[in-house]
Amino acid sequence: MGPWTDRSLAVGRLYQAAKEEKTVQGRALRLLRSWLSPQQRVEFDRKGYFDVVGCDTGKRYRIRLGTSGNVNEIDEYGRLGTGWCFVPVGGLVLGDVMLAQKIALEMDEARVLSIANSFPGPIRWRRPGTPPEGRIPLGRVG
């Protein structure tokens, strides 16, 4: 490709990025990112989720990209546990829903969990004879 073609592609990408920033979804994601800590922002940009700490119990929760059923507790080994489904009232877009979930868990965890629907976390299958993740089987210590 010649220099003009490369330049045309770059300009096209720039216009597309500007167009996406002006959409409701683009603005909502920009607002969400502005509320995230630097560490949360890196997690969100790289992995599509970020972790928060509940204000009442100190439990960690993972908020994944989504608008419902996208929140899970994280156990002491960093594994996903119980899932929680709660969304704000109204027709909000993805970024706004995730921001509301973050603020709710950080500011009023007990109330949120009292009205949220819970569901079992992911099933972790293991081969017979292998120890559970992160644990040493009894009798084999040493």
N, C-alpha and C. Protein backbone atom coordinates (compact mmCIF):
# COMPACT_ATOMS: atom_id res chain seq x y z
N MET A 1 0.84 -1.20 0.00
CA MET A 1 0.00 0.00 0.00
C MET A 1 0.87 1.25 0.00
N GLY A 2 0.43 2.23 -0.70
CA GLY A 2 1.16 3.48 -0.77
C GLY A 2 0.86 4.37 0.43
N PRO A 3 1.61 5.47 0.55
CA PRO A 3 1.41 6.36 1.69
C PRO A 3 0.01 6.98 1.73
N TRP A 4 -0.59 7.23 0.56
CA TRP A 4 -1.92 7.83 0.57
C TRP A 4 -2.97 6.83 1.05
N THR A 5 -2.80 5.58 0.69
CA THR A 5 -3.75 4.55 1.12
C THR A 5 -3.65 4.36 2.63
N ASP A 6 -2.43 4.29 3.16
CA ASP A 6 -2.25 4.16 4.61
C ASP A 6 -2.87 5.35 5.34
N ARG A 7 -2.65 6.53 4.79
CA ARG A 7 -3.19 7.74 5.41
C ARG A 7 -4.72 7.72 5.36
N SER A 8 -5.28 7.28 4.24
CA SER A 8 -6.74 7.20 4.11
C SER A 8 -7.32 6.23 5.14
N LEU A 9 -6.67 5.09 5.32
CA LEU A 9 -7.14 4.12 6.32
C LEU A 9 -7.07 4.71 7.73
N ALA A 10 -5.99 5.41 8.02
CA ALA A 10 -5.84 6.02 9.34
C ALA A 10 -6.91 7.06 9.60
N VAL A 11 -7.19 7.88 8.60
CA VAL A 11 -8.24 8.90 8.74
C VAL A 11 -9.60 8.23 8.92
N GLY A 12 -9.85 7.17 8.16
CA GLY A 12 -11.11 6.43 8.31
C GLY A 12 -11.28 5.86 9.70
N ARG A 13 -10.20 5.30 10.25
CA ARG A 13 -10.26 4.77 11.63
C ARG A 13 -10.51 5.89 12.64
N LEU A 14 -9.89 7.04 12.40
CA LEU A 14 -10.08 8.18 13.30
C LEU A 14 -11.54 8.63 13.29
N TYR A 15 -12.13 8.74 12.11
CA TYR A 15 -13.55 9.13 12.01
C TYR A 15 -14.46 8.10 12.68
N GLN A 16 -14.16 6.82 12.50
CA GLN A 16 -14.97 5.76 13.11
C GLN A 16 -14.89 5.86 14.64
N ALA A 17 -13.69 6.07 15.17
CA ALA A 17 -13.53 6.20 16.62
C ALA A 17 -14.30 7.40 17.15
N ALA A 18 -14.23 8.53 16.42
CA ALA A 18 -14.97 9.73 16.85
C ALA A 18 -16.47 9.48 16.81
N LYS A 19 -16.94 8.77 15.79
CA LYS A 19 -18.37 8.46 15.67
C LYS A 19 -18.82 7.59 16.85
N GLU A 20 -18.02 6.57 17.20
CA GLU A 20 -18.38 5.68 18.31
C GLU A 20 -18.40 6.44 19.64
N GLU A 21 -17.51 7.40 19.81
CA GLU A 21 -17.48 8.17 21.05
C GLU A 21 -18.73 9.02 21.23
N LYS A 22 -19.41 9.36 20.14
CA LYS A 22 -20.59 10.21 20.23
C LYS A 22 -21.87 9.42 20.45
N THR A 23 -21.80 8.10 20.46
CA THR A 23 -23.00 7.30 20.69
C THR A 23 -23.30 7.24 22.18
N VAL A 24 -24.51 6.85 22.52
CA VAL A 24 -24.89 6.69 23.92
C VAL A 24 -23.99 5.66 24.59
N GLN A 25 -23.74 4.54 23.90
CA GLN A 25 -22.90 3.50 24.46
C GLN A 25 -21.47 4.00 24.68
N GLY A 26 -20.95 4.75 23.73
CA GLY A 26 -19.60 5.29 23.86
C GLY A 26 -19.48 6.24 25.04
N ARG A 27 -20.46 7.11 25.21
CA ARG A 27 -20.44 8.05 26.34
C ARG A 27 -20.56 7.30 27.67
N ALA A 28 -21.41 6.28 27.73
CA ALA A 28 -21.60 5.51 28.97
C ALA A 28 -20.32 4.78 29.35
N LEU A 29 -19.65 4.19 28.38
CA LEU A 29 -18.39 3.50 28.68
C LEU A 29 -17.31 4.48 29.10
N ARG A 30 -17.29 5.66 28.50
CA ARG A 30 -16.32 6.68 28.91
C ARG A 30 -16.58 7.12 30.34
N LEU A 31 -17.86 7.30 30.71
CA LEU A 31 -18.21 7.66 32.08
C LEU A 31 -17.79 6.55 33.05
N LEU A 32 -18.10 5.31 32.71
CA LEU A 32 -17.70 4.18 33.56
C LEU A 32 -16.20 4.19 33.77
N ARG A 33 -15.43 4.30 32.71
CA ARG A 33 -13.97 4.28 32.82
C ARG A 33 -13.46 5.42 33.69
N SER A 34 -14.15 6.57 33.68
CA SER A 34 -13.71 7.71 34.50
C SER A 34 -13.91 7.43 35.99
N TRP A 35 -14.82 6.52 36.34
CA TRP A 35 -15.07 6.17 37.74
C TRP A 35 -14.19 5.02 38.22
N LEU A 36 -13.49 4.35 37.32
CA LEU A 36 -12.66 3.22 37.71
C LEU A 36 -11.30 3.69 38.20
N SER A 37 -10.74 2.94 39.16
CA SER A 37 -9.37 3.21 39.60
C SER A 37 -8.43 2.82 38.46
N PRO A 38 -7.18 3.25 38.50
CA PRO A 38 -6.25 2.85 37.44
C PRO A 38 -6.15 1.33 37.28
N GLN A 39 -6.13 0.60 38.39
CA GLN A 39 -6.05 -0.86 38.33
C GLN A 39 -7.32 -1.45 37.71
N GLN A 40 -8.48 -0.94 38.12
CA GLN A 40 -9.74 -1.42 37.55
C GLN A 40 -9.81 -1.13 36.06
N ARG A 41 -9.32 0.03 35.65
CA ARG A 41 -9.34 0.42 34.24
C ARG A 41 -8.49 -0.53 33.40
N VAL A 42 -7.32 -0.89 33.93
CA VAL A 42 -6.44 -1.83 33.22
C VAL A 42 -7.13 -3.18 33.08
N GLU A 43 -7.72 -3.68 34.19
CA GLU A 43 -8.44 -4.95 34.15
C GLU A 43 -9.57 -4.91 33.11
N PHE A 44 -10.34 -3.83 33.15
CA PHE A 44 -11.49 -3.71 32.25
C PHE A 44 -11.05 -3.66 30.79
N ASP A 45 -10.01 -2.89 30.51
CA ASP A 45 -9.54 -2.76 29.13
C ASP A 45 -8.94 -4.06 28.61
N ARG A 46 -8.23 -4.79 29.47
CA ARG A 46 -7.57 -6.02 29.03
C ARG A 46 -8.48 -7.24 29.06
N LYS A 47 -9.33 -7.32 30.10
CA LYS A 47 -10.06 -8.57 30.33
C LYS A 47 -11.58 -8.44 30.25
N GLY A 48 -12.11 -7.22 30.20
CA GLY A 48 -13.55 -7.04 30.10
C GLY A 48 -14.28 -7.15 31.43
N TYR A 49 -13.55 -7.04 32.52
CA TYR A 49 -14.17 -7.03 33.85
C TYR A 49 -13.31 -6.21 34.79
N PHE A 50 -13.87 -5.89 35.97
CA PHE A 50 -13.10 -5.25 37.03
C PHE A 50 -13.65 -5.74 38.36
N ASP A 51 -12.82 -5.66 39.40
CA ASP A 51 -13.19 -6.12 40.73
C ASP A 51 -13.48 -4.93 41.64
N VAL A 52 -14.45 -5.12 42.54
CA VAL A 52 -14.78 -4.10 43.54
C VAL A 52 -14.85 -4.79 44.89
N VAL A 53 -14.78 -3.99 45.96
CA VAL A 53 -14.88 -4.51 47.32
C VAL A 53 -16.16 -3.97 47.93
N GLY A 54 -16.97 -4.89 48.48
CA GLY A 54 -18.22 -4.50 49.13
C GLY A 54 -17.96 -3.70 50.39
N CYS A 55 -18.76 -2.68 50.62
CA CYS A 55 -18.55 -1.76 51.75
C CYS A 55 -18.89 -2.39 53.10
N ASP A 56 -19.78 -3.36 53.15
CA ASP A 56 -20.22 -3.91 54.42
C ASP A 56 -19.44 -5.16 54.84
N THR A 57 -19.16 -6.06 53.92
CA THR A 57 -18.51 -7.33 54.27
C THR A 57 -17.04 -7.37 53.90
N GLY A 58 -16.61 -6.48 53.02
CA GLY A 58 -15.24 -6.53 52.54
C GLY A 58 -15.01 -7.62 51.49
N LYS A 59 -16.10 -8.29 51.07
CA LYS A 59 -15.97 -9.31 50.02
C LYS A 59 -15.61 -8.65 48.70
N ARG A 60 -14.91 -9.43 47.88
CA ARG A 60 -14.58 -8.96 46.53
C ARG A 60 -15.61 -9.48 45.55
N TYR A 61 -15.96 -8.64 44.59
CA TYR A 61 -16.92 -8.98 43.55
C TYR A 61 -16.30 -8.66 42.20
N ARG A 62 -16.60 -9.48 41.21
CA ARG A 62 -16.15 -9.22 39.84
C ARG A 62 -17.36 -8.79 39.02
N ILE A 63 -17.26 -7.63 38.39
CA ILE A 63 -18.31 -7.13 37.49
C ILE A 63 -17.79 -7.33 36.07
N ARG A 64 -18.46 -8.23 35.35
CA ARG A 64 -18.08 -8.55 33.98
C ARG A 64 -18.90 -7.73 33.00
N LEU A 65 -18.40 -7.62 31.80
CA LEU A 65 -19.10 -6.90 30.74
C LEU A 65 -20.48 -7.50 30.56
N GLY A 66 -21.52 -6.74 30.83
CA GLY A 66 -22.88 -7.23 30.70
C GLY A 66 -23.85 -6.35 31.46
N THR A 67 -25.14 -6.68 31.35
CA THR A 67 -26.15 -5.86 32.01
C THR A 67 -26.98 -6.63 33.03
N SER A 68 -26.87 -7.95 33.09
CA SER A 68 -27.57 -8.71 34.13
C SER A 68 -26.87 -10.04 34.32
N GLY A 69 -26.87 -10.53 35.54
CA GLY A 69 -26.20 -11.78 35.84
C GLY A 69 -24.70 -11.70 35.61
N ASN A 70 -24.13 -10.52 35.71
CA ASN A 70 -22.72 -10.31 35.38
C ASN A 70 -21.85 -10.00 36.59
N VAL A 71 -22.37 -10.27 37.81
CA VAL A 71 -21.61 -9.99 39.03
C VAL A 71 -21.41 -11.31 39.78
N ASN A 72 -20.17 -11.59 40.18
CA ASN A 72 -19.87 -12.78 40.96
C ASN A 72 -19.01 -12.42 42.16
N GLU A 73 -19.22 -13.14 43.28
CA GLU A 73 -18.29 -13.04 44.40
C GLU A 73 -16.99 -13.72 43.98
N ILE A 74 -15.89 -13.30 44.58
CA ILE A 74 -14.60 -13.92 44.33
C ILE A 74 -14.11 -14.47 45.66
N ASP A 75 -13.74 -15.76 45.69
CA ASP A 75 -13.29 -16.36 46.95
C ASP A 75 -11.83 -16.01 47.23
N GLU A 76 -11.32 -16.53 48.36
CA GLU A 76 -9.96 -16.19 48.78
C GLU A 76 -8.89 -16.73 47.83
N TYR A 77 -9.26 -17.66 46.95
CA TYR A 77 -8.32 -18.20 45.96
C TYR A 77 -8.43 -17.47 44.62
N GLY A 78 -9.31 -16.47 44.53
CA GLY A 78 -9.49 -15.73 43.30
C GLY A 78 -10.44 -16.38 42.31
N ARG A 79 -11.21 -17.39 42.78
CA ARG A 79 -12.15 -18.08 41.91
C ARG A 79 -13.53 -17.46 42.02
N LEU A 80 -14.29 -17.54 40.92
CA LEU A 80 -15.65 -17.01 40.92
C LEU A 80 -16.55 -17.88 41.77
N GLY A 81 -17.38 -17.22 42.59
CA GLY A 81 -18.34 -17.93 43.43
C GLY A 81 -19.75 -17.53 43.07
N THR A 82 -20.58 -17.36 44.09
CA THR A 82 -21.99 -17.03 43.91
C THR A 82 -22.16 -15.86 42.94
N GLY A 83 -23.11 -16.00 42.04
CA GLY A 83 -23.44 -14.93 41.11
C GLY A 83 -24.60 -14.11 41.63
N TRP A 84 -24.64 -12.85 41.25
CA TRP A 84 -25.70 -11.93 41.68
C TRP A 84 -26.28 -11.22 40.47
N CYS A 85 -27.59 -11.11 40.45
CA CYS A 85 -28.28 -10.43 39.36
C CYS A 85 -29.05 -9.26 39.94
N PHE A 86 -28.61 -8.05 39.64
CA PHE A 86 -29.33 -6.84 40.04
C PHE A 86 -29.02 -5.76 39.01
N VAL A 87 -30.04 -5.03 38.65
CA VAL A 87 -29.90 -3.97 37.65
C VAL A 87 -30.68 -2.74 38.10
N PRO A 88 -30.24 -1.56 37.71
CA PRO A 88 -31.00 -0.36 38.04
C PRO A 88 -32.29 -0.30 37.24
N VAL A 89 -33.24 0.45 37.74
CA VAL A 89 -34.51 0.63 37.04
C VAL A 89 -34.29 1.56 35.85
N GLY A 90 -34.91 1.24 34.74
CA GLY A 90 -34.82 2.10 33.56
C GLY A 90 -34.07 1.40 32.44
N GLY A 91 -34.19 1.94 31.29
CA GLY A 91 -33.54 1.38 30.11
C GLY A 91 -32.14 1.93 29.94
N LEU A 92 -31.21 1.51 30.77
CA LEU A 92 -29.85 2.04 30.71
C LEU A 92 -28.97 1.17 29.81
N VAL A 93 -27.95 1.78 29.25
CA VAL A 93 -27.00 1.05 28.40
C VAL A 93 -25.94 0.40 29.27
N LEU A 94 -25.19 -0.50 28.67
CA LEU A 94 -24.22 -1.34 29.35
C LEU A 94 -23.32 -0.59 30.32
N GLY A 95 -22.64 0.44 29.88
CA GLY A 95 -21.71 1.17 30.75
C GLY A 95 -22.38 1.77 31.97
N ASP A 96 -23.60 2.29 31.79
CA ASP A 96 -24.33 2.88 32.91
C ASP A 96 -24.77 1.82 33.91
N VAL A 97 -25.18 0.64 33.42
CA VAL A 97 -25.58 -0.45 34.32
C VAL A 97 -24.39 -0.89 35.15
N MET A 98 -23.24 -1.09 34.51
CA MET A 98 -22.05 -1.54 35.23
C MET A 98 -21.59 -0.51 36.25
N LEU A 99 -21.70 0.77 35.93
CA LEU A 99 -21.34 1.82 36.88
C LEU A 99 -22.28 1.81 38.07
N ALA A 100 -23.58 1.64 37.82
CA ALA A 100 -24.55 1.57 38.92
C ALA A 100 -24.26 0.37 39.81
N GLN A 101 -23.89 -0.77 39.23
CA GLN A 101 -23.55 -1.95 40.02
C GLN A 101 -22.33 -1.69 40.89
N LYS A 102 -21.32 -1.06 40.33
CA LYS A 102 -20.10 -0.73 41.07
C LYS A 102 -20.42 0.16 42.27
N ILE A 103 -21.15 1.24 42.02
CA ILE A 103 -21.47 2.19 43.08
C ILE A 103 -22.33 1.52 44.15
N ALA A 104 -23.29 0.71 43.73
CA ALA A 104 -24.18 0.03 44.69
C ALA A 104 -23.40 -0.88 45.63
N LEU A 105 -22.49 -1.68 45.10
CA LEU A 105 -21.72 -2.59 45.95
C LEU A 105 -20.76 -1.84 46.87
N GLU A 106 -20.20 -0.75 46.38
CA GLU A 106 -19.24 0.00 47.18
C GLU A 106 -19.91 0.91 48.22
N MET A 107 -21.19 1.25 48.02
CA MET A 107 -21.85 2.19 48.91
C MET A 107 -22.98 1.58 49.75
N ASP A 108 -23.62 0.50 49.28
CA ASP A 108 -24.79 -0.05 49.99
C ASP A 108 -24.91 -1.55 49.73
N GLU A 109 -23.82 -2.27 49.98
CA GLU A 109 -23.74 -3.70 49.66
C GLU A 109 -24.87 -4.52 50.27
N ALA A 110 -25.14 -4.33 51.55
CA ALA A 110 -26.16 -5.14 52.24
C ALA A 110 -27.53 -4.97 51.60
N ARG A 111 -27.90 -3.75 51.30
CA ARG A 111 -29.21 -3.51 50.69
C ARG A 111 -29.30 -4.12 49.29
N VAL A 112 -28.23 -3.96 48.52
CA VAL A 112 -28.22 -4.51 47.16
C VAL A 112 -28.40 -6.02 47.20
N LEU A 113 -27.64 -6.70 48.06
CA LEU A 113 -27.72 -8.15 48.12
C LEU A 113 -29.05 -8.63 48.68
N SER A 114 -29.72 -7.78 49.47
CA SER A 114 -31.03 -8.18 50.01
C SER A 114 -32.11 -8.21 48.93
N ILE A 115 -31.91 -7.46 47.85
CA ILE A 115 -32.92 -7.46 46.78
C ILE A 115 -32.45 -8.19 45.52
N ALA A 116 -31.16 -8.52 45.44
CA ALA A 116 -30.61 -9.18 44.25
C ALA A 116 -31.00 -10.66 44.22
N ASN A 117 -31.06 -11.21 43.03
CA ASN A 117 -31.24 -12.66 42.87
C ASN A 117 -29.86 -13.30 42.81
N SER A 118 -29.69 -14.38 43.58
CA SER A 118 -28.40 -15.09 43.55
C SER A 118 -28.53 -16.35 42.70
N PHE A 119 -27.39 -16.80 42.21
CA PHE A 119 -27.35 -18.05 41.45
C PHE A 119 -25.99 -18.69 41.69
N PRO A 120 -25.91 -20.03 41.55
CA PRO A 120 -24.64 -20.71 41.80
C PRO A 120 -23.55 -20.22 40.86
N GLY A 121 -22.34 -20.18 41.39
CA GLY A 121 -21.21 -19.79 40.56
C GLY A 121 -20.86 -20.87 39.56
N PRO A 122 -19.81 -20.66 38.78
CA PRO A 122 -19.42 -21.65 37.77
C PRO A 122 -19.08 -22.99 38.41
N ILE A 123 -19.40 -24.07 37.72
CA ILE A 123 -19.05 -25.40 38.21
C ILE A 123 -17.60 -25.67 37.83
N ARG A 124 -16.82 -26.13 38.80
CA ARG A 124 -15.41 -26.45 38.54
C ARG A 124 -15.26 -27.97 38.54
N TRP A 125 -15.14 -28.53 37.37
CA TRP A 125 -14.96 -29.97 37.24
C TRP A 125 -13.50 -30.31 37.45
N ARG A 126 -13.24 -31.47 38.05
CA ARG A 126 -11.87 -31.94 38.19
C ARG A 126 -11.84 -33.44 37.92
N ARG A 127 -10.68 -33.90 37.53
CA ARG A 127 -10.52 -35.33 37.26
C ARG A 127 -10.51 -36.10 38.57
N PRO A 128 -11.05 -37.31 38.57
CA PRO A 128 -11.00 -38.13 39.79
C PRO A 128 -9.56 -38.32 40.24
N GLY A 129 -9.35 -38.22 41.53
CA GLY A 129 -8.02 -38.42 42.09
C GLY A 129 -7.17 -37.18 42.15
N THR A 130 -7.66 -36.05 41.64
CA THR A 130 -6.89 -34.81 41.72
C THR A 130 -7.46 -33.96 42.84
N PRO A 131 -6.59 -33.23 43.55
CA PRO A 131 -7.07 -32.41 44.67
C PRO A 131 -7.83 -31.20 44.17
N PRO A 132 -8.71 -30.64 45.02
CA PRO A 132 -9.37 -29.39 44.66
C PRO A 132 -8.34 -28.30 44.40
N GLU A 133 -8.69 -27.33 43.60
CA GLU A 133 -7.77 -26.25 43.23
C GLU A 133 -7.14 -25.59 44.46
N GLY A 134 -5.83 -25.40 44.40
CA GLY A 134 -5.14 -24.64 45.43
C GLY A 134 -5.01 -25.33 46.77
N ARG A 135 -5.32 -26.62 46.84
CA ARG A 135 -5.26 -27.31 48.13
C ARG A 135 -4.38 -28.54 48.01
N ILE A 136 -3.69 -28.86 49.09
CA ILE A 136 -2.87 -30.06 49.15
C ILE A 136 -3.70 -31.16 49.79
N PRO A 137 -3.79 -32.34 49.16
CA PRO A 137 -4.60 -33.40 49.75
C PRO A 137 -4.00 -33.88 51.07
N LEU A 138 -4.85 -34.17 52.03
CA LEU A 138 -4.39 -34.67 53.32
C LEU A 138 -3.64 -35.98 53.13
N GLY A 139 -2.61 -36.18 53.95
CA GLY A 139 -1.84 -37.41 53.86
C GLY A 139 -0.66 -37.30 52.91
N ARG A 140 -0.60 -36.24 52.15
CA ARG A 140 0.51 -36.07 51.21
C ARG A 140 1.34 -34.83 51.55
N VAL A 141 1.16 -34.28 52.72
CA VAL A 141 1.89 -33.08 53.12
C VAL A 141 3.32 -33.47 53.44
N GLY A 142 4.27 -32.66 53.01
CA GLY A 142 5.65 -32.88 53.40
C GLY A 142 6.43 -33.30 52.29
